[in-house]
């Protein structure tokens, strides 16, 4: 066997014809392990040029290639008397019977299957070299054999011994693949049993995880709500204190200017400053009640009392506030509900212009409780009815009504402005039935 391989090496290297450089290099690596010298051609036309320059000991050719494919390359090699006896092994992706018949029709000696198995590649090369050494029927001398398969007809001149070798190679491959398949099935059964056990264990773990996730999701919702409350409270406190400090600064500057020339006026302005300071203190005190808002959940609040408390933070002056909400009415809302009511009152005082009265009452629309805050001021223009609830809208800070909607929305309460411009503002606060009760 060694003498035969040495003799073939003297006749030239093995020519690998493969348009994929990666596949070609891998085949070359296998040939190197078998001590076979080789050359590489990246297509059929270049292969013919290399064959003309140096006769190869054998040709390994891919089937699917541009321009000249493996079948045509083999056919041309067999048609040339100078190269007709060079062994040709075709490299195919799948061991399809049609590939075999086409290869035999073109004059192939045997086949190598992709993906490559190093041992099988070297075995197939040695078999073809051995068959060539033993001699046999000259290429093309066998009787023409017409074979019909899959609706196509093939004309084959391969000798019986060559066909037998290919059949044996095919059978050997089938046996090996079947053995591998049986081993894979046994491994699969073992893995399946392990997987079943893991699934049962994971089901138990999944039940525990689901309970943990439920708790975590609730905690995340609570945290998100707490963060939202904290942001709202920070915004409210900051913008209220800034407004009050700005007013305080104005009164004090005026009092300083009038101190020597108009002491009575300066005294009145200092008194107003004290009122502003009182409101600022009230704001800080109000804020302190919510220093733990992250741990404070929505609760039932007596609405009438909330209105009374909220009005205490406002400077009504000559404006009359009418609280017609029955004492037993409670709503389920965020603890910031008093601040939301205060902002409604403050909004009316700031923008009512002709304002004399602010009224709170409860109505029902299709059995749904609606808390109404209305006044007799100038009202809201139609194009502004929705914009007044957006952040930054307004001539002051643009925070009041935006924060009102945000506070109410925490428990699903919806607020709309439905008044008629020129006749006063009317805010409808729609409370979900489950968030409203009378005790």
Protein backbone atom coordinates (compact mmCIF):
# COMPACT_ATOMS: atom_id res chain seq x y z
CA UNK A 1 0.00 0.00 0.00
CA UNK A 2 2.80 2.43 0.87
CA UNK A 3 4.61 1.66 -2.40
CA UNK A 4 1.41 2.38 -4.33
CA UNK A 5 0.92 5.75 -2.60
CA UNK A 6 4.57 6.69 -3.26
CA UNK A 7 4.18 5.84 -6.91
CA UNK A 8 1.08 8.03 -7.17
CA UNK A 9 2.86 10.91 -5.49
CA UNK A 10 5.57 10.72 -8.11
CA UNK A 11 2.88 11.16 -10.76
CA UNK A 12 1.90 14.54 -9.28
CA UNK A 13 -0.08 16.05 -6.41
CA UNK A 14 -3.79 15.65 -5.76
CA UNK A 15 -5.73 18.51 -7.32
CA UNK A 16 -8.51 19.94 -5.13
CA UNK A 17 -11.12 21.83 -7.18
CA UNK A 18 -13.37 23.84 -4.83
CA UNK A 19 -14.76 27.39 -5.16
CA UNK A 20 -15.05 27.72 -1.37
CA UNK A 21 -11.61 28.62 -0.05
CA UNK A 22 -12.55 27.38 3.42
CA UNK A 23 -13.66 23.98 2.12
CA UNK A 24 -10.58 23.74 -0.09
CA UNK A 25 -8.22 24.53 2.79
CA UNK A 26 -9.94 21.97 5.00
CA UNK A 27 -9.61 19.27 2.34
CA UNK A 28 -5.96 20.25 1.96
CA UNK A 29 -5.53 19.88 5.73
CA UNK A 30 -6.94 16.34 5.55
CA UNK A 31 -4.66 15.47 2.63
CA UNK A 32 -1.69 16.83 4.56
CA UNK A 33 -2.52 14.49 7.46
CA UNK A 34 -2.37 11.61 4.95
CA UNK A 35 0.97 12.86 3.54
CA UNK A 36 -0.59 13.62 0.16
CA UNK A 37 0.80 16.68 -1.66
CA UNK A 38 -1.95 18.81 -3.18
CA UNK A 39 -2.79 21.85 -5.25
CA UNK A 40 -5.96 23.95 -5.21
CA UNK A 41 -8.03 25.34 -8.10
CA UNK A 42 -10.97 27.61 -7.31
CA UNK A 43 -13.03 26.65 -10.36
CA UNK A 44 -13.25 24.13 -13.20
CA UNK A 45 -11.57 26.30 -15.83
CA UNK A 46 -8.51 26.95 -13.65
CA UNK A 47 -8.41 23.24 -12.87
CA UNK A 48 -8.11 22.41 -16.58
CA UNK A 49 -5.23 24.89 -16.87
CA UNK A 50 -3.41 23.32 -13.90
CA UNK A 51 -3.98 19.81 -15.27
CA UNK A 52 -2.39 20.89 -18.56
CA UNK A 53 0.66 22.24 -16.68
CA UNK A 54 1.14 19.28 -14.35
CA UNK A 55 -0.69 16.00 -14.44
CA UNK A 56 -2.25 15.33 -11.02
CA UNK A 57 -2.31 11.93 -9.36
CA UNK A 58 -5.99 12.40 -8.54
CA UNK A 59 -8.69 15.06 -8.72
CA UNK A 60 -11.13 15.90 -5.91
CA UNK A 61 -13.79 18.19 -7.35
CA UNK A 62 -16.82 19.89 -5.91
CA UNK A 63 -19.99 19.45 -7.98
CA UNK A 64 -21.60 22.89 -7.74
CA UNK A 65 -19.25 25.54 -9.16
CA UNK A 66 -19.73 28.54 -11.46
CA UNK A 67 -19.03 28.30 -15.22
CA UNK A 68 -17.73 24.70 -15.35
CA UNK A 69 -19.30 22.49 -12.66
CA UNK A 70 -17.92 19.21 -11.36
CA UNK A 71 -19.86 17.08 -13.86
CA UNK A 72 -18.61 19.04 -16.86
CA UNK A 73 -15.04 19.08 -15.51
CA UNK A 74 -15.09 15.27 -15.12
CA UNK A 75 -16.61 14.86 -18.56
CA UNK A 76 -13.86 16.94 -20.20
CA UNK A 77 -11.18 15.03 -18.33
CA UNK A 78 -12.58 11.74 -19.61
CA UNK A 79 -12.92 13.02 -23.18
CA UNK A 80 -9.22 13.95 -23.30
CA UNK A 81 -7.08 10.85 -23.98
CA UNK A 82 -4.15 12.45 -22.12
CA UNK A 83 -6.17 12.75 -18.90
CA UNK A 84 -8.86 10.09 -19.28
CA UNK A 85 -7.25 7.73 -16.77
CA UNK A 86 -6.83 10.28 -13.95
CA UNK A 87 -8.97 9.16 -10.96
CA UNK A 88 -11.75 11.65 -10.19
CA UNK A 89 -13.61 11.76 -6.87
CA UNK A 90 -16.63 14.04 -6.68
CA UNK A 91 -17.42 15.97 -3.51
CA UNK A 92 -21.16 16.32 -2.88
CA UNK A 93 -23.28 17.91 -0.16
CA UNK A 94 -25.86 15.13 0.02
CA UNK A 95 -25.58 11.52 -1.03
CA UNK A 96 -28.47 11.84 -3.49
CA UNK A 97 -28.92 8.93 -5.95
CA UNK A 98 -29.26 11.48 -8.74
CA UNK A 99 -25.83 12.90 -7.83
CA UNK A 100 -24.33 9.43 -8.04
CA UNK A 101 -25.95 8.70 -11.42
CA UNK A 102 -24.87 12.06 -12.85
CA UNK A 103 -21.36 11.48 -11.51
CA UNK A 104 -21.15 8.00 -13.01
CA UNK A 105 -22.48 9.35 -16.29
CA UNK A 106 -19.72 11.99 -16.27
CA UNK A 107 -17.09 9.35 -15.43
CA UNK A 108 -16.48 9.82 -11.67
CA UNK A 109 -14.63 7.05 -9.85
CA UNK A 110 -16.21 7.61 -6.42
CA UNK A 111 -17.71 10.17 -4.07
CA UNK A 112 -16.87 12.02 -0.84
CA UNK A 113 -19.70 13.37 1.28
CA UNK A 114 -19.87 16.77 2.97
CA UNK A 115 -19.41 17.54 5.82
CA UNK A 116 -15.99 15.89 5.65
CA UNK A 117 -14.90 13.04 7.89
CA UNK A 118 -11.09 12.97 7.82
CA UNK A 119 -10.83 9.20 8.17
CA UNK A 120 -13.44 8.51 5.48
CA UNK A 121 -11.81 10.97 3.04
CA UNK A 122 -8.45 9.23 3.36
CA UNK A 123 -10.07 5.77 3.09
CA UNK A 124 -11.88 6.78 -0.09
CA UNK A 125 -8.67 8.16 -1.64
CA UNK A 126 -6.76 4.99 -0.86
CA UNK A 127 -9.57 2.85 -2.30
CA UNK A 128 -9.58 4.77 -5.57
CA UNK A 129 -5.78 4.65 -5.80
CA UNK A 130 -5.87 0.91 -5.09
CA UNK A 131 -8.51 0.30 -7.75
CA UNK A 132 -6.44 2.27 -10.27
CA UNK A 133 -3.32 0.24 -9.39
CA UNK A 134 -5.16 -3.05 -9.79
CA UNK A 135 -6.23 -2.03 -13.25
CA UNK A 136 -9.51 -2.91 -14.89
CA UNK A 137 -11.62 -1.90 -17.82
CA UNK A 138 -10.30 1.20 -19.59
CA UNK A 139 -12.38 4.30 -19.08
CA UNK A 140 -15.29 4.42 -21.48
CA UNK A 141 -14.81 0.82 -22.66
CA UNK A 142 -17.67 -0.70 -20.69
CA UNK A 143 -20.99 -1.32 -22.43
CA UNK A 144 -23.43 1.56 -22.29
CA UNK A 145 -25.93 1.13 -19.47
CA UNK A 146 -29.18 3.09 -19.70
CA UNK A 147 -30.68 3.87 -16.29
CA UNK A 148 -33.97 5.66 -15.69
CA UNK A 149 -34.44 7.23 -12.24
CA UNK A 150 -36.67 10.00 -10.93
CA UNK A 151 -38.04 10.78 -14.38
CA UNK A 152 -34.56 11.22 -15.91
CA UNK A 153 -32.48 8.88 -18.06
CA UNK A 154 -28.76 8.40 -17.52
CA UNK A 155 -26.20 6.79 -19.86
CA UNK A 156 -23.45 5.13 -17.82
CA UNK A 157 -20.28 3.40 -19.06
CA UNK A 158 -18.86 2.58 -15.63
CA UNK A 159 -17.60 -0.97 -15.20
CA UNK A 160 -19.35 -3.44 -12.96
CA UNK A 161 -16.44 -3.49 -10.54
CA UNK A 162 -16.53 0.30 -10.23
CA UNK A 163 -20.29 0.31 -9.63
CA UNK A 164 -19.85 -2.44 -7.04
CA UNK A 165 -17.17 -0.38 -5.23
CA UNK A 166 -19.47 2.62 -5.16
CA UNK A 167 -22.35 0.49 -3.87
CA UNK A 168 -20.11 -0.95 -1.17
CA UNK A 169 -18.92 2.56 -0.26
CA UNK A 170 -22.52 3.66 -0.09
CA UNK A 171 -23.43 0.70 2.08
CA UNK A 172 -20.46 1.35 4.35
CA UNK A 173 -21.53 4.97 4.72
CA UNK A 174 -25.12 3.93 5.44
CA UNK A 175 -23.97 1.45 8.12
CA UNK A 176 -21.76 4.09 9.76
CA UNK A 177 -24.51 6.71 9.69
CA UNK A 178 -27.01 4.19 11.06
CA UNK A 179 -24.63 3.32 13.90
CA UNK A 180 -24.17 7.01 14.65
CA UNK A 181 -27.94 7.45 14.52
CA UNK A 182 -28.52 4.61 16.98
CA UNK A 183 -25.94 6.06 19.34
CA UNK A 184 -27.55 9.46 18.96
CA UNK A 185 -30.98 7.96 19.71
CA UNK A 186 -29.67 6.24 22.83
CA UNK A 187 -28.05 9.47 23.95
CA UNK A 188 -31.28 11.30 23.12
CA UNK A 189 -33.33 8.89 25.24
CA UNK A 190 -30.93 9.34 28.13
CA UNK A 191 -30.99 13.10 27.73
CA UNK A 192 -34.76 13.04 27.42
CA UNK A 193 -35.04 11.25 30.77
CA UNK A 194 -32.72 13.79 32.32
CA UNK A 195 -34.68 16.57 30.67
CA UNK A 196 -37.95 15.22 32.03
CA UNK A 197 -36.50 15.21 35.51
CA UNK A 198 -35.19 18.73 35.02
CA UNK A 199 -38.60 19.85 33.73
CA UNK A 200 -40.27 18.51 36.86
CA UNK A 201 -37.71 20.25 39.04
CA UNK A 202 -38.04 23.43 37.02
CA UNK A 203 -41.83 23.30 37.33
CA UNK A 204 -41.48 23.40 41.10
CA UNK A 205 -38.89 26.17 40.80
CA UNK A 206 -41.13 28.00 38.32
CA UNK A 207 -44.06 27.95 40.73
CA UNK A 208 -41.84 29.43 43.42
CA UNK A 209 -40.44 31.95 40.96
CA UNK A 210 -43.91 32.95 39.83
CA UNK A 211 -44.89 33.71 43.39
CA UNK A 212 -41.69 35.67 43.83
CA UNK A 213 -42.27 37.54 40.55
CA UNK A 214 -45.79 38.42 41.60
CA UNK A 215 -44.46 39.88 44.83
CA UNK A 216 -41.66 41.64 42.97
CA UNK A 217 -44.03 43.11 40.39
CA UNK A 218 -46.22 44.44 43.16
CA UNK A 219 -43.16 45.90 44.85
CA UNK A 220 -42.07 47.48 41.55
CA UNK A 221 -45.52 49.00 41.06
CA UNK A 222 -45.47 50.33 44.61
CA UNK A 223 -41.98 51.73 44.07
CA UNK A 224 -42.96 53.36 40.79
CA UNK A 225 -45.99 54.91 42.45
CA UNK A 226 -43.87 56.07 45.38
CA UNK A 227 -41.33 57.65 43.02
CA UNK A 228 -44.12 59.38 41.15
CA UNK A 229 -45.52 60.73 44.40
CA UNK A 230 -42.10 61.90 45.49
CA UNK A 231 -41.54 63.73 42.21
CA UNK A 232 -44.97 65.35 42.45
CA UNK A 233 -44.38 66.46 46.02
CA UNK A 234 -40.96 67.87 45.16
CA UNK A 235 -42.39 69.81 42.22
CA UNK A 236 -45.29 71.14 44.28
CA UNK A 237 -43.12 72.27 47.17
CA UNK A 238 -40.48 73.85 44.99
CA UNK A 239 -42.81 75.87 42.81
CA UNK A 240 -45.00 76.99 45.74
CA UNK A 241 -42.07 78.14 47.84
CA UNK A 242 -40.44 79.93 44.91
CA UNK A 243 -43.67 81.81 44.22
CA UNK A 244 -44.11 82.76 47.85
CA UNK A 245 -40.47 83.86 48.24
CA UNK A 246 -40.75 85.99 45.10
CA UNK A 247 -43.85 87.73 46.50
CA UNK A 248 -42.12 88.13 49.87
CA UNK A 249 -39.12 89.72 48.21
CA UNK A 250 -41.39 92.21 46.41
CA UNK A 251 -43.24 93.23 49.57
CA UNK A 252 -40.02 93.67 51.52
CA UNK A 253 -38.43 95.78 48.79
CA UNK A 254 -41.52 98.01 48.67
CA UNK A 255 -41.56 98.29 52.45
CA UNK A 256 -37.90 99.28 52.45
CA UNK A 257 -38.55 101.99 49.85
CA UNK A 258 -41.56 103.37 51.75
CA UNK A 259 -40.13 103.01 55.25
CA UNK A 260 -38.96 106.63 55.59
CA UNK A 261 -41.53 108.44 53.41
CA UNK A 262 -44.69 106.33 53.78
CA UNK A 263 -44.42 104.40 57.07
CA UNK A 264 -48.12 103.40 57.08
CA UNK A 265 -47.81 101.88 53.61
CA UNK A 266 -44.55 100.18 54.58
CA UNK A 267 -46.26 98.73 57.67
CA UNK A 268 -49.07 97.33 55.51
CA UNK A 269 -46.54 95.79 53.16
CA UNK A 270 -44.67 94.20 56.06
CA UNK A 271 -47.98 92.77 57.28
CA UNK A 272 -48.54 91.27 53.84
CA UNK A 273 -45.02 89.87 54.02
CA UNK A 274 -45.91 88.17 57.26
CA UNK A 275 -48.94 86.60 55.56
CA UNK A 276 -46.64 85.26 52.83
CA UNK A 277 -44.26 83.87 55.46
CA UNK A 278 -47.24 82.20 57.15
CA UNK A 279 -48.27 80.58 53.85
CA UNK A 280 -44.68 79.42 53.30
CA UNK A 281 -44.61 77.84 56.75
CA UNK A 282 -47.93 76.16 56.01
CA UNK A 283 -46.46 74.80 52.77
CA UNK A 284 -43.44 73.38 54.57
CA UNK A 285 -45.68 71.90 57.25
CA UNK A 286 -47.90 70.41 54.59
CA UNK A 287 -44.82 68.93 52.93
CA UNK A 288 -43.63 67.38 56.18
CA UNK A 289 -46.81 65.32 56.32
CA UNK A 290 -45.66 63.53 53.17
CA UNK A 291 -42.03 62.91 54.07
CA UNK A 292 -42.88 59.22 54.06
CA UNK A 293 -45.04 59.23 50.93
CA UNK A 294 -43.11 56.27 49.55
CA UNK A 295 -44.76 54.13 52.21
CA UNK A 296 -48.17 55.83 52.11
CA UNK A 297 -50.84 54.08 50.09
CA UNK A 298 -54.08 55.59 48.76
CA UNK A 299 -56.80 55.79 51.39
CA UNK A 300 -60.37 56.93 51.97
CA UNK A 301 -60.60 60.69 52.55
CA UNK A 302 -63.60 62.74 53.73
CA UNK A 303 -64.03 65.04 50.76
CA UNK A 304 -65.72 67.94 52.55
CA UNK A 305 -62.97 68.06 55.19
CA UNK A 306 -60.30 67.96 52.45
CA UNK A 307 -61.89 71.01 50.82
CA UNK A 308 -61.92 72.87 54.14
CA UNK A 309 -58.29 71.98 54.84
CA UNK A 310 -57.15 72.90 51.32
CA UNK A 311 -58.90 76.28 51.47
CA UNK A 312 -56.87 77.07 54.56
CA UNK A 313 -53.73 77.30 52.44
CA UNK A 314 -55.33 79.80 50.02
CA UNK A 315 -55.81 83.55 50.42
CA UNK A 316 -59.46 83.93 49.43
CA UNK A 317 -59.82 87.62 50.28
CA UNK A 318 -63.33 88.66 49.28
CA UNK A 319 -63.92 85.50 47.24
CA UNK A 320 -66.57 83.25 48.78
CA UNK A 321 -65.96 79.49 48.88
CA UNK A 322 -69.14 77.37 49.04
CA UNK A 323 -68.60 73.77 50.15
CA UNK A 324 -71.81 71.87 49.32
CA UNK A 325 -70.26 68.40 49.54
CA UNK A 326 -72.10 66.31 52.17
CA UNK A 327 -70.05 65.44 55.24
CA UNK A 328 -70.37 61.67 54.73
CA UNK A 329 -68.87 61.58 51.22
CA UNK A 330 -65.49 59.87 51.01
CA UNK A 331 -63.24 59.20 48.02
CA UNK A 332 -60.41 56.71 47.68
CA UNK A 333 -57.47 58.83 46.61
CA UNK A 334 -53.81 59.53 47.09
CA UNK A 335 -52.94 61.49 50.27
CA UNK A 336 -52.05 64.44 48.01
CA UNK A 337 -55.77 64.97 47.35
CA UNK A 338 -55.83 68.07 49.56
CA UNK A 339 -53.03 69.61 47.50
CA UNK A 340 -54.96 68.85 44.30
CA UNK A 341 -58.03 70.64 45.70
CA UNK A 342 -55.87 73.56 46.80
CA UNK A 343 -54.47 73.89 43.27
CA UNK A 344 -58.02 74.04 41.86
CA UNK A 345 -58.86 76.85 44.28
CA UNK A 346 -55.55 78.63 43.59
CA UNK A 347 -56.11 78.35 39.83
CA UNK A 348 -59.51 80.03 40.14
CA UNK A 349 -58.05 82.81 42.29
CA UNK A 350 -55.24 83.46 39.82
CA UNK A 351 -57.15 83.40 36.54
CA UNK A 352 -60.82 84.03 37.43
CA UNK A 353 -60.48 87.83 36.98
CA UNK A 354 -64.18 88.56 37.71
CA UNK A 355 -64.30 85.81 40.33
CA UNK A 356 -66.56 86.17 43.39
CA UNK A 357 -67.52 82.58 44.22
CA UNK A 358 -65.95 79.11 44.12
CA UNK A 359 -68.33 76.20 44.66
CA UNK A 360 -67.73 72.49 45.33
CA UNK A 361 -70.59 70.01 45.03
CA UNK A 362 -71.35 66.39 44.06
CA UNK A 363 -73.45 65.35 41.06
CA UNK A 364 -74.16 62.04 39.29
CA UNK A 365 -73.81 61.28 35.59
CA UNK A 366 -75.16 57.87 34.53
CA UNK A 367 -74.84 56.63 38.12
CA UNK A 368 -71.20 57.74 38.21
CA UNK A 369 -70.30 60.21 40.98
CA UNK A 370 -68.82 63.49 39.76
CA UNK A 371 -67.24 66.07 42.05
CA UNK A 372 -67.72 69.52 40.55
CA UNK A 373 -65.57 72.58 41.19
CA UNK A 374 -67.05 75.64 39.49
CA UNK A 375 -66.67 79.39 39.73
CA UNK A 376 -68.20 82.57 38.28
CA UNK A 377 -64.96 83.93 36.87
CA UNK A 378 -64.12 84.51 33.22
CA UNK A 379 -63.79 80.80 32.41
CA UNK A 380 -61.58 78.82 30.03
CA UNK A 381 -61.39 79.31 26.26
CA UNK A 382 -62.48 76.22 24.26
CA UNK A 383 -59.05 75.78 22.68
CA UNK A 384 -57.41 75.78 26.13
CA UNK A 385 -59.64 73.20 27.87
CA UNK A 386 -57.13 70.40 27.43
CA UNK A 387 -53.93 72.42 27.26
CA UNK A 388 -54.41 73.79 30.78
CA UNK A 389 -53.57 70.31 32.10
CA UNK A 390 -50.26 70.10 30.24
CA UNK A 391 -46.93 70.72 31.91
CA UNK A 392 -45.67 74.31 31.63
CA UNK A 393 -48.90 75.79 30.25
CA UNK A 394 -50.10 79.01 31.87
CA UNK A 395 -48.87 82.43 32.81
CA UNK A 396 -47.60 81.39 36.25
CA UNK A 397 -45.62 78.17 36.75
CA UNK A 398 -47.73 75.87 34.57
CA UNK A 399 -47.66 73.22 37.31
CA UNK A 400 -50.97 73.55 39.14
CA UNK A 401 -53.53 71.79 36.95
CA UNK A 402 -50.91 69.43 35.52
CA UNK A 403 -50.22 68.22 39.06
CA UNK A 404 -53.96 68.01 39.82
CA UNK A 405 -54.48 65.57 36.95
CA UNK A 406 -51.40 63.57 37.93
CA UNK A 407 -52.45 63.27 41.57
CA UNK A 408 -56.01 62.20 40.72
CA UNK A 409 -54.86 59.70 38.07
CA UNK A 410 -52.96 57.67 40.68
CA UNK A 411 -56.30 56.10 41.72
CA UNK A 412 -58.04 56.31 38.34
CA UNK A 413 -59.86 59.60 38.95
CA UNK A 414 -60.35 61.69 35.79
CA UNK A 415 -60.70 65.48 35.61
CA UNK A 416 -62.09 67.57 32.72
CA UNK A 417 -62.94 71.25 32.20
CA UNK A 418 -66.50 71.63 30.86
CA UNK A 419 -67.38 75.25 31.59
CA UNK A 420 -68.54 77.93 29.12
CA UNK A 421 -66.10 80.73 28.40
CA UNK A 422 -67.48 83.98 29.84
CA UNK A 423 -69.65 82.21 32.42
CA UNK A 424 -66.92 80.68 34.60
CA UNK A 425 -64.79 77.57 34.83
CA UNK A 426 -66.25 74.15 35.63
CA UNK A 427 -64.04 71.21 36.53
CA UNK A 428 -65.70 67.77 36.56
CA UNK A 429 -63.86 65.18 38.65
CA UNK A 430 -65.13 61.73 37.62
CA UNK A 431 -64.59 59.26 40.46
CA UNK A 432 -64.75 55.50 39.74
CA UNK A 433 -67.73 54.01 41.63
CA UNK A 434 -65.42 51.73 43.60
CA UNK A 435 -63.48 54.82 44.79
CA UNK A 436 -66.60 56.64 46.09
CA UNK A 437 -68.69 55.96 49.14
CA UNK A 438 -71.10 57.66 51.54
CA UNK A 439 -70.87 56.74 55.21
